[in-house]
Amino acid sequence: MSPGSAVEDAFRTEWGRVLGAVARSTGDLDLAEESAQEAFATALRTWGRDGVPERPGAWLTTTARRHAIDVLRRRRVDTDRTAAAARLGERVEAGPRGVGPTADPVPDEVALSLDDDPWAIDDPDGDLLRLLFTCCHPALPAESRVALTLRSLVGMTTAQVARAFLVPEATMAQRLVRAKRRIRATGITFRVPPPELRAERVTGVLAVLYLLFTEGYDAWAEPADETAGSWDRRALADDAVRLARLAARLLDDEPEARGLLALLLLQHARRDERTGPDGVARTLAEQDRSRWRHDEIAEGLRELDVALAAGRPGPYQVQAAIAALHDRAGSDAEVDWSEILGLYDVLLGMTGSPVVALNRAVAVAEVHGAEAGLAAIEEVADDPALAGYHLLPAVRAELQARAGRTDEAVHALRVALELVDREGDRRLLRRRLGALTAPPADAPTG
C-alpha cells in the first residue's frame, strides 16, 4: 500500500479515535480537530519518507496529542506573560513616591507544568464512545447533533456536510460553531453518561444515527441527476451504517443498538432498486429482489437474531423484524402480512406514532382488504403530526383505487401531489394519477 493510500485508509478508520483521544484529554473539540488535522498532514509529509508505521492509529494519536500539548504550552506561556506584563504595568503606574518607575524583571522563560495523566490513557474505544455521546448530547439541537457527528466521527469537512444537507457552507459552519460554543457554555463533558442517564442517552444517540440514515436512504429514492439524489446525500446512509456498527460494538450490552444496525442493513440492502431508470421511486412490490444486496441482508438477519436473543425488545428491533419479513420473502406475494400486522400492533403499542399507525393500515389492507385499511387510516387521519404528510393521501389513494373508488383516489392523489417535496415520489404519484385518469385503451376516439 502506498503512503498516500495508507493515510487515506487511516483517515477512514482512525479519524474519530484520534479526535476522541485529544478531546477527552483537553475537553476542547476545536483543539482536538486542529490536532487531528495536523497529525494527518504530518503523516502525508513523513510516511513516504520514513515508511508507514506498524500501528498507524497509535502513531496518529501520539502525533495529535503532541500537537495539542504544544498548543496548550504556548497558551500557558501567553497567559502567564500577559499576566506578568499586567503586573509590571501596575507596578510602573504605582511606583514609590519620589522614585522613578521600577518593577521586578520579567523572566524570559515561564515555567510550565501539565498534568500528563490524561494523555497517558490509551482507550480508543472509550474515546469513540465518549465522542459519540458528546456529539449526540440532548442539550444540542437535533440538526447540530447530526452535523457534529458527521464532522467529528466521520471526518467530513464542513463543505461536505453542507452539500449533504443542501445548505450553504457558511450556514453549516455557523451551525457547527454554535454547537461547539454550546458544548463549552453548558459544560458538556466528554464522558459516558452515568448509569441513571445511560438508557435515555443511548436512545438519543440511536435516534441521531437513524435520522442520519434516513437522510441518505431517502436520497436513493430520488433521481440520481437531481441534487436531492446526489452521491453526497446517498453516502450519508453508508456513514450511518458504519456508525451503527460502531455503536453496536461499543454498546454491546444494548440490544437496541444492534437492532438499529440490523434495521439499517436490511433496509439499505434494497437501495439499488429504490428508483427506476426513469427516476421514479419504486414501491417494494415493484422492486427486483434479485438486485437487493443479499450479503447485507444476511448480516442484518444475524444482527437481529443476536439482538432478539437478549430478550429486551425495543422499537428498532421490531422494525428490523418487519424489514426481515420483507427481505426473506422470495416475492411480494410471499410476504407474511399477517405476521407483519402483528408486529405493527406491537410497534404501535411501543411508540404510539401516527406514522406507525399509517404503516399498520397498509398491513391491515393486505390482510383484511382495502376497506378495512381505509377504516384504519381514518382512525389516525386527523392526527396533527400527519398534517402536510404526503404519504397520508398517497396511501389513502392506493387503497381507494383498490376498492374501486376511483374518483376519490384521483382526488387524494392530487392532494398528495400538492404536498410531496421529493421528486422521485412526485413522479410516482403522477404515474399513478395518469393510470387512473387515462381513457380505456378501447375507448372510441373522436
Protein backbone atom coordinates (compact mmCIF):
# COMPACT_ATOMS: atom_id res chain seq x y z
CA MET A 1 0.00 0.00 0.00
CA SER A 2 1.35 3.43 -0.94
CA PRO A 3 1.84 6.03 1.81
CA GLY A 4 -0.95 8.16 0.37
CA SER A 5 -3.35 5.20 0.36
CA ALA A 6 -2.28 4.32 3.89
CA VAL A 7 -3.12 7.83 5.09
CA GLU A 8 -6.47 7.70 3.30
CA ASP A 9 -7.25 4.32 4.85
CA ALA A 10 -6.20 5.55 8.29
CA PHE A 11 -8.41 8.60 7.90
CA ARG A 12 -11.46 6.41 7.32
CA THR A 13 -10.74 4.13 10.27
CA GLU A 14 -8.86 6.29 12.79
CA TRP A 15 -10.12 9.86 12.49
CA GLY A 16 -12.74 9.52 15.21
CA ARG A 17 -10.39 7.72 17.57
CA VAL A 18 -7.65 10.32 17.17
CA LEU A 19 -10.04 13.23 17.64
CA GLY A 20 -11.74 11.50 20.57
CA ALA A 21 -8.45 10.89 22.38
CA VAL A 22 -7.46 14.56 22.21
CA ALA A 23 -10.98 15.77 23.04
CA ARG A 24 -11.08 13.54 26.12
CA SER A 25 -7.72 14.86 27.33
CA THR A 26 -8.32 18.54 26.61
CA GLY A 27 -12.09 18.94 26.73
CA ASP A 28 -11.69 21.20 23.67
CA LEU A 29 -13.31 19.96 20.45
CA ASP A 30 -11.79 22.72 18.31
CA LEU A 31 -8.29 21.92 19.55
CA ALA A 32 -8.95 18.22 19.03
CA GLU A 33 -9.96 18.84 15.39
CA GLU A 34 -6.93 21.04 14.79
CA SER A 35 -4.60 18.46 16.32
CA ALA A 36 -6.11 15.56 14.37
CA GLN A 37 -5.83 17.50 11.12
CA GLU A 38 -2.19 18.32 11.92
CA ALA A 39 -1.47 14.65 12.65
CA PHE A 40 -2.81 13.52 9.27
CA ALA A 41 -0.99 16.35 7.50
CA THR A 42 2.24 15.24 9.20
CA ALA A 43 1.57 11.66 8.09
CA LEU A 44 1.27 12.81 4.49
CA ARG A 45 4.62 14.56 4.78
CA THR A 46 6.56 11.82 6.59
CA TRP A 47 5.17 8.36 5.82
CA GLY A 48 6.54 8.49 2.29
CA ARG A 49 9.99 9.23 3.69
CA ASP A 50 10.01 7.12 6.86
CA GLY A 51 7.59 4.38 5.92
CA VAL A 52 4.09 3.61 7.19
CA PRO A 53 4.19 2.87 10.94
CA GLU A 54 3.22 -0.56 12.19
CA ARG A 55 0.30 0.91 14.14
CA PRO A 56 -0.91 3.94 12.16
CA GLY A 57 -3.67 4.78 14.63
CA ALA A 58 -1.31 4.88 17.60
CA TRP A 59 1.18 6.99 15.61
CA LEU A 60 -1.52 9.47 14.61
CA THR A 61 -2.90 9.70 18.14
CA THR A 62 0.55 10.33 19.60
CA THR A 63 1.27 13.00 16.98
CA ALA A 64 -2.06 14.70 17.60
CA ARG A 65 -1.50 14.67 21.36
CA ARG A 66 1.94 16.22 20.96
CA HIS A 67 0.48 18.98 18.83
CA ALA A 68 -2.24 19.62 21.41
CA ILE A 69 0.31 19.74 24.23
CA ASP A 70 2.43 22.22 22.26
CA VAL A 71 -0.63 24.41 21.70
CA LEU A 72 -1.56 24.26 25.39
CA ARG A 73 2.00 25.14 26.40
CA ARG A 74 2.00 28.13 24.07
CA ARG A 75 -1.33 29.22 25.51
CA ARG A 76 0.04 28.87 29.02
CA VAL A 77 3.12 30.91 28.12
CA ASP A 78 0.99 33.62 26.51
CA THR A 79 -1.34 33.69 29.50
CA ASP A 80 1.49 33.88 32.02
CA ARG A 81 3.33 36.54 30.04
CA THR A 82 0.14 38.59 29.72
CA ALA A 83 -0.41 38.33 33.46
CA ALA A 84 3.22 39.26 34.18
CA ALA A 85 3.01 42.23 31.83
CA ALA A 86 -0.16 43.37 33.57
CA ARG A 87 1.54 43.14 36.96
CA LEU A 88 4.53 45.06 35.59
CA GLY A 89 2.25 47.77 34.26
CA GLU A 90 0.54 48.09 37.64
CA ARG A 91 3.90 48.48 39.40
CA VAL A 92 5.07 51.08 36.89
CA GLU A 93 1.90 53.10 37.36
CA ALA A 94 2.02 52.82 41.15
CA GLY A 95 5.78 53.17 41.74
CA PRO A 96 7.12 54.56 45.09
CA ARG A 97 6.51 58.29 45.57
CA GLY A 98 9.51 60.37 44.56
CA VAL A 99 11.18 57.42 42.83
CA GLY A 100 11.14 56.67 39.12
CA PRO A 101 9.07 53.73 37.83
CA THR A 102 10.57 50.40 38.83
CA ALA A 103 9.50 46.73 38.60
CA ASP A 104 10.80 43.25 39.03
CA PRO A 105 12.27 41.88 35.81
CA VAL A 106 10.03 39.58 33.74
CA PRO A 107 11.73 36.21 33.17
CA ASP A 108 12.45 35.20 29.60
CA GLU A 109 11.03 31.70 30.13
CA VAL A 110 7.87 30.84 32.04
CA ALA A 111 7.87 27.54 33.88
CA LEU A 112 5.15 25.19 32.60
CA SER A 113 3.54 22.18 34.17
CA LEU A 114 0.90 19.99 32.51
CA ASP A 115 -0.77 17.03 34.14
CA ASP A 116 0.36 14.13 31.96
CA ASP A 117 -2.04 11.53 33.35
CA PRO A 118 -4.93 12.19 30.93
CA TRP A 119 -2.57 11.82 27.98
CA ALA A 120 -1.19 8.50 29.08
CA ILE A 121 -4.51 6.62 28.99
CA ASP A 122 -4.88 4.57 25.81
CA ASP A 123 -8.61 3.86 25.43
CA PRO A 124 -9.56 4.22 21.73
CA ASP A 125 -12.97 2.55 22.03
CA GLY A 126 -13.78 4.55 25.14
CA ASP A 127 -12.73 7.73 23.36
CA LEU A 128 -15.06 6.94 20.45
CA LEU A 129 -17.94 6.22 22.79
CA ARG A 130 -17.39 9.45 24.74
CA LEU A 131 -17.22 11.42 21.50
CA LEU A 132 -20.42 9.79 20.23
CA PHE A 133 -22.33 10.67 23.40
CA THR A 134 -20.98 14.23 23.30
CA CYS A 135 -21.94 14.86 19.67
CA CYS A 136 -25.44 13.48 20.34
CA HIS A 137 -25.96 15.33 23.62
CA PRO A 138 -29.63 16.32 24.16
CA ALA A 139 -28.61 19.90 25.02
CA LEU A 140 -27.74 20.39 21.33
CA PRO A 141 -30.36 20.98 18.61
CA ALA A 142 -31.11 17.86 16.56
CA GLU A 143 -29.68 19.30 13.34
CA SER A 144 -26.46 20.21 15.17
CA ARG A 145 -26.13 16.70 16.60
CA VAL A 146 -26.21 15.16 13.13
CA ALA A 147 -23.78 17.71 11.68
CA LEU A 148 -21.37 17.40 14.60
CA THR A 149 -21.46 13.60 14.39
CA LEU A 150 -20.51 13.71 10.71
CA ARG A 151 -17.79 16.28 11.34
CA SER A 152 -16.26 14.61 14.39
CA LEU A 153 -16.76 10.86 13.92
CA VAL A 154 -16.82 10.56 10.13
CA GLY A 155 -14.33 13.34 9.40
CA MET A 156 -16.43 15.10 6.77
CA THR A 157 -15.42 18.66 6.01
CA THR A 158 -17.85 21.49 6.65
CA ALA A 159 -18.36 21.83 2.90
CA GLN A 160 -19.18 18.13 2.56
CA VAL A 161 -21.71 18.25 5.40
CA ALA A 162 -23.29 21.36 3.87
CA ARG A 163 -23.64 19.69 0.45
CA ALA A 164 -25.17 16.60 2.03
CA PHE A 165 -27.85 18.68 3.76
CA LEU A 166 -28.38 21.11 0.88
CA VAL A 167 -27.47 24.24 2.83
CA PRO A 168 -24.80 26.90 2.16
CA GLU A 169 -21.38 26.15 3.60
CA ALA A 170 -21.48 29.35 5.67
CA THR A 171 -24.76 28.23 7.25
CA MET A 172 -23.33 24.85 8.17
CA ALA A 173 -20.14 26.44 9.51
CA GLN A 174 -22.21 28.65 11.82
CA ARG A 175 -24.26 25.62 12.90
CA LEU A 176 -21.09 23.78 13.90
CA VAL A 177 -19.62 26.83 15.64
CA ARG A 178 -22.81 27.29 17.67
CA ALA A 179 -22.81 23.61 18.63
CA LYS A 180 -19.23 23.74 19.89
CA ARG A 181 -19.92 27.01 21.68
CA ARG A 182 -22.87 25.40 23.40
CA ILE A 183 -20.75 22.45 24.48
CA ARG A 184 -18.37 24.87 26.18
CA ALA A 185 -21.07 27.15 27.60
CA THR A 186 -23.19 24.36 29.12
CA GLY A 187 -20.21 22.46 30.49
CA ILE A 188 -20.87 19.31 28.46
CA THR A 189 -18.05 16.92 29.27
CA PHE A 190 -16.53 14.20 27.13
CA ARG A 191 -17.74 11.23 29.11
CA VAL A 192 -20.03 8.24 29.06
CA PRO A 193 -23.21 9.19 30.96
CA PRO A 194 -23.76 7.75 34.44
CA PRO A 195 -25.97 4.64 34.81
CA GLU A 196 -29.10 6.59 35.74
CA LEU A 197 -28.93 8.57 32.45
CA ARG A 198 -27.48 5.91 30.18
CA ALA A 199 -30.73 4.46 28.77
CA GLU A 200 -32.08 7.89 27.86
CA ARG A 201 -28.80 8.99 26.31
CA VAL A 202 -28.42 5.75 24.32
CA THR A 203 -31.89 6.34 22.89
CA GLY A 204 -30.76 9.82 21.82
CA VAL A 205 -27.62 8.51 20.14
CA LEU A 206 -29.53 5.87 18.18
CA ALA A 207 -32.12 8.46 17.11
CA VAL A 208 -29.37 10.64 15.63
CA LEU A 209 -27.94 7.69 13.69
CA TYR A 210 -31.38 6.74 12.38
CA LEU A 211 -32.06 10.33 11.32
CA LEU A 212 -28.72 10.40 9.52
CA PHE A 213 -29.55 7.12 7.76
CA THR A 214 -32.98 8.36 6.72
CA GLU A 215 -31.43 11.42 5.08
CA GLY A 216 -29.20 9.20 2.97
CA TYR A 217 -31.69 6.41 2.31
CA ASP A 218 -34.32 8.87 1.10
CA ALA A 219 -31.79 10.17 -1.43
CA TRP A 220 -31.73 6.70 -3.03
CA ALA A 221 -35.44 7.21 -3.84
CA GLU A 222 -34.61 10.41 -5.75
CA PRO A 223 -33.38 10.64 -9.37
CA ALA A 224 -29.60 10.46 -9.45
CA ASP A 225 -29.44 13.54 -11.66
CA GLU A 226 -31.28 15.65 -9.06
CA THR A 227 -29.46 17.44 -6.24
CA ALA A 228 -31.56 15.61 -3.65
CA GLY A 229 -30.36 12.29 -5.11
CA SER A 230 -26.69 13.24 -5.27
CA TRP A 231 -23.98 10.86 -4.20
CA ASP A 232 -23.05 13.21 -1.36
CA ARG A 233 -26.52 12.68 0.10
CA ARG A 234 -26.71 8.97 -0.67
CA ALA A 235 -23.37 8.42 1.06
CA LEU A 236 -24.95 9.55 4.34
CA ALA A 237 -26.67 6.17 4.54
CA ASP A 238 -23.29 4.40 4.28
CA ASP A 239 -21.91 6.65 7.01
CA ALA A 240 -24.90 5.87 9.22
CA VAL A 241 -24.42 2.12 8.76
CA ARG A 242 -20.75 2.46 9.66
CA LEU A 243 -21.60 4.46 12.79
CA ALA A 244 -24.34 1.96 13.70
CA ARG A 245 -21.75 -0.84 13.51
CA LEU A 246 -19.56 1.21 15.83
CA ALA A 247 -22.43 1.83 18.25
CA ALA A 248 -23.43 -1.85 18.27
CA ARG A 249 -19.85 -2.82 19.10
CA LEU A 250 -19.29 -0.19 21.77
CA LEU A 251 -22.75 -0.62 23.30
CA ASP A 252 -22.72 -4.41 23.18
CA ASP A 253 -24.99 -4.62 26.24
CA GLU A 254 -27.70 -2.57 24.50
CA PRO A 255 -29.79 -4.81 22.20
CA GLU A 256 -31.47 -1.77 20.64
CA ALA A 257 -28.10 -0.65 19.25
CA ARG A 258 -27.78 -3.99 17.49
CA GLY A 259 -31.44 -3.78 16.48
CA LEU A 260 -30.78 -0.44 14.81
CA LEU A 261 -27.81 -1.88 12.93
CA ALA A 262 -29.99 -4.78 11.75
CA LEU A 263 -32.71 -2.39 10.60
CA LEU A 264 -30.31 -0.21 8.63
CA LEU A 265 -28.67 -3.19 6.94
CA LEU A 266 -31.98 -4.79 6.00
CA GLN A 267 -33.30 -1.56 4.52
CA HIS A 268 -30.09 -0.33 2.90
CA ALA A 269 -29.72 -3.65 1.09
CA ARG A 270 -32.58 -2.53 -1.20
CA ARG A 271 -31.04 0.80 -2.20
CA ASP A 272 -30.24 -0.08 -5.84
CA GLU A 273 -33.93 -0.73 -6.53
CA ARG A 274 -35.40 2.35 -4.87
CA THR A 275 -35.72 4.16 -8.20
CA GLY A 276 -36.04 3.02 -11.79
CA PRO A 277 -34.05 4.29 -14.79
CA ASP A 278 -36.74 6.97 -15.26
CA GLY A 279 -36.11 8.36 -11.77
CA VAL A 280 -39.49 7.19 -10.48
CA ALA A 281 -39.50 5.88 -6.91
CA ARG A 282 -40.34 2.18 -6.68
CA THR A 283 -42.51 0.51 -4.07
CA LEU A 284 -41.35 -2.77 -2.52
CA ALA A 285 -43.82 -4.64 -4.74
CA GLU A 286 -42.21 -3.11 -7.84
CA GLN A 287 -38.59 -3.83 -6.89
CA ASP A 288 -36.47 -6.59 -8.41
CA ARG A 289 -35.45 -8.60 -5.36
CA SER A 290 -32.57 -10.26 -7.21
CA ARG A 291 -30.84 -6.87 -7.20
CA TRP A 292 -31.04 -6.48 -3.44
CA ARG A 293 -27.70 -6.89 -1.66
CA HIS A 294 -28.15 -10.30 -0.10
CA ASP A 295 -24.85 -10.27 1.80
CA GLU A 296 -26.12 -7.24 3.73
CA ILE A 297 -29.47 -8.93 4.29
CA ALA A 298 -27.67 -11.95 5.74
CA GLU A 299 -25.64 -9.72 8.06
CA GLY A 300 -28.77 -7.86 9.13
CA LEU A 301 -30.57 -11.11 9.94
CA ARG A 302 -27.64 -12.28 12.06
CA GLU A 303 -27.55 -8.99 13.97
CA LEU A 304 -31.31 -9.17 14.53
CA ASP A 305 -31.06 -12.71 15.91
CA VAL A 306 -28.41 -11.60 18.40
CA ALA A 307 -30.46 -8.56 19.46
CA LEU A 308 -33.68 -10.55 19.97
CA ALA A 309 -31.84 -13.22 21.95
CA ALA A 310 -31.25 -10.64 24.70
CA GLY A 311 -34.97 -10.71 25.49
CA ARG A 312 -35.28 -6.90 25.70
CA PRO A 313 -37.24 -5.93 22.58
CA GLY A 314 -37.46 -2.32 21.50
CA PRO A 315 -38.77 -0.29 18.55
CA TYR A 316 -35.68 -0.74 16.37
CA GLN A 317 -35.73 -4.50 16.85
CA VAL A 318 -39.42 -4.66 15.93
CA GLN A 319 -38.87 -2.51 12.83
CA ALA A 320 -35.96 -4.74 11.88
CA ALA A 321 -38.18 -7.81 12.29
CA ILE A 322 -40.71 -6.24 9.89
CA ALA A 323 -37.93 -5.46 7.39
CA ALA A 324 -36.68 -9.05 7.74
CA LEU A 325 -40.07 -10.47 6.74
CA HIS A 326 -39.97 -8.41 3.54
CA ASP A 327 -36.35 -9.33 2.81
CA ARG A 328 -36.79 -13.05 3.44
CA ALA A 329 -39.75 -13.35 1.06
CA GLY A 330 -38.90 -14.55 -2.42
CA SER A 331 -41.54 -12.28 -3.95
CA ASP A 332 -44.07 -9.72 -2.84
CA ALA A 333 -46.77 -12.40 -2.99
CA GLU A 334 -44.86 -14.48 -0.41
CA VAL A 335 -44.67 -11.73 2.26
CA ASP A 336 -46.31 -12.85 5.51
CA TRP A 337 -48.60 -9.86 6.03
CA SER A 338 -50.38 -11.41 8.99
CA GLU A 339 -47.13 -11.56 10.92
CA ILE A 340 -46.23 -8.04 9.79
CA LEU A 341 -49.58 -6.79 11.06
CA GLY A 342 -48.92 -8.39 14.43
CA LEU A 343 -45.52 -6.69 14.62
CA TYR A 344 -47.06 -3.32 13.74
CA ASP A 345 -49.51 -3.81 16.60
CA VAL A 346 -46.52 -4.31 18.92
CA LEU A 347 -44.66 -1.33 17.47
CA LEU A 348 -47.69 0.93 17.75
CA GLY A 349 -48.05 -0.06 21.39
CA MET A 350 -44.41 0.83 21.99
CA THR A 351 -44.36 4.17 20.19
CA GLY A 352 -47.91 5.47 19.72
CA SER A 353 -46.59 7.01 16.49
CA PRO A 354 -49.20 8.10 13.91
CA VAL A 355 -46.72 7.24 11.15
CA VAL A 356 -46.55 3.69 12.52
CA ALA A 357 -50.37 3.68 12.58
CA LEU A 358 -50.41 4.68 8.90
CA ASN A 359 -47.99 1.89 8.02
CA ARG A 360 -50.12 -0.51 10.05
CA ALA A 361 -53.13 0.48 7.93
CA VAL A 362 -51.30 -0.83 4.85
CA ALA A 363 -50.79 -4.17 6.61
CA VAL A 364 -54.47 -4.19 7.63
CA ALA A 365 -55.43 -3.74 3.97
CA GLU A 366 -53.18 -6.61 2.90
CA VAL A 367 -54.72 -8.95 5.49
CA HIS A 368 -58.35 -7.81 5.68
CA GLY A 369 -58.92 -5.87 2.46
CA ALA A 370 -58.79 -2.30 1.20
CA GLU A 371 -61.90 -1.08 3.01
CA ALA A 372 -60.54 -2.29 6.34
CA GLY A 373 -57.29 -0.49 5.60
CA LEU A 374 -59.17 2.72 4.79
CA ALA A 375 -61.04 2.45 8.08
CA ALA A 376 -57.69 2.12 9.89
CA ILE A 377 -56.45 5.24 8.11
CA GLU A 378 -59.46 7.25 9.25
CA GLU A 379 -58.65 6.40 12.86
CA VAL A 380 -55.42 8.39 12.58
CA ALA A 381 -56.09 10.80 9.71
CA ASP A 382 -56.82 13.80 11.95
CA ASP A 383 -53.62 13.49 13.96
CA PRO A 384 -51.77 16.85 13.73
CA ALA A 385 -48.49 15.01 13.24
CA LEU A 386 -49.71 13.82 9.83
CA ALA A 387 -50.82 17.25 8.63
CA GLY A 388 -48.91 18.00 5.43
CA TYR A 389 -47.53 14.44 5.23
CA HIS A 390 -47.92 13.44 1.58
CA LEU A 391 -47.98 9.73 2.30
CA LEU A 392 -51.31 10.03 4.13
CA PRO A 393 -53.31 10.95 0.98
CA ALA A 394 -51.00 8.77 -1.16
CA VAL A 395 -51.74 5.63 0.86
CA ARG A 396 -55.42 6.54 1.03
CA ALA A 397 -55.48 6.89 -2.77
CA GLU A 398 -53.83 3.49 -3.24
CA LEU A 399 -56.44 1.75 -1.08
CA GLN A 400 -59.33 3.71 -2.61
CA ALA A 401 -58.19 2.63 -6.06
CA ARG A 402 -58.07 -1.00 -4.92
CA ALA A 403 -61.59 -0.63 -3.53
CA GLY A 404 -62.86 0.72 -6.86
CA ARG A 405 -63.38 4.24 -5.52
CA THR A 406 -61.58 5.84 -8.46
CA ASP A 407 -62.88 9.40 -8.18
CA GLU A 408 -61.85 9.57 -4.51
CA ALA A 409 -58.45 8.09 -5.36
CA VAL A 410 -57.89 10.73 -8.04
CA HIS A 411 -58.72 13.50 -5.58
CA ALA A 412 -56.42 12.03 -2.92
CA LEU A 413 -53.55 11.75 -5.42
CA ARG A 414 -53.94 15.39 -6.36
CA VAL A 415 -53.78 16.33 -2.68
CA ALA A 416 -50.64 14.23 -2.28
CA LEU A 417 -49.04 15.94 -5.27
CA GLU A 418 -49.61 19.31 -3.67
CA LEU A 419 -47.80 18.14 -0.52
CA VAL A 420 -44.93 16.00 -1.83
CA ASP A 421 -41.45 17.52 -1.73
CA ARG A 422 -39.43 14.61 -3.17
CA GLU A 423 -39.05 14.34 -6.92
CA GLY A 424 -38.93 10.54 -7.02
CA ASP A 425 -42.22 10.29 -5.14
CA ARG A 426 -43.71 13.10 -7.23
CA ARG A 427 -43.03 11.13 -10.42
CA LEU A 428 -44.55 8.01 -8.87
CA LEU A 429 -47.71 9.88 -7.88
CA ARG A 430 -48.02 11.41 -11.36
CA ARG A 431 -47.71 7.99 -12.91
CA ARG A 432 -50.46 6.63 -10.65
CA LEU A 433 -52.67 9.61 -11.39
CA GLY A 434 -52.13 9.16 -15.11
CA ALA A 435 -53.09 5.49 -14.89
CA LEU A 436 -56.34 6.35 -13.11
CA THR A 437 -57.35 9.22 -15.42
CA ALA A 438 -56.26 7.78 -18.77
CA PRO A 439 -59.13 6.74 -21.04
CA PRO A 440 -59.55 2.97 -21.54
CA ALA A 441 -57.47 1.52 -24.35
CA ASP A 442 -60.60 0.51 -26.28
CA ALA A 443 -62.41 3.83 -25.76
CA PRO A 444 -63.62 5.42 -29.02
CA THR A 445 -61.67 8.43 -30.20
CA GLY A 446 -63.11 11.48 -31.87
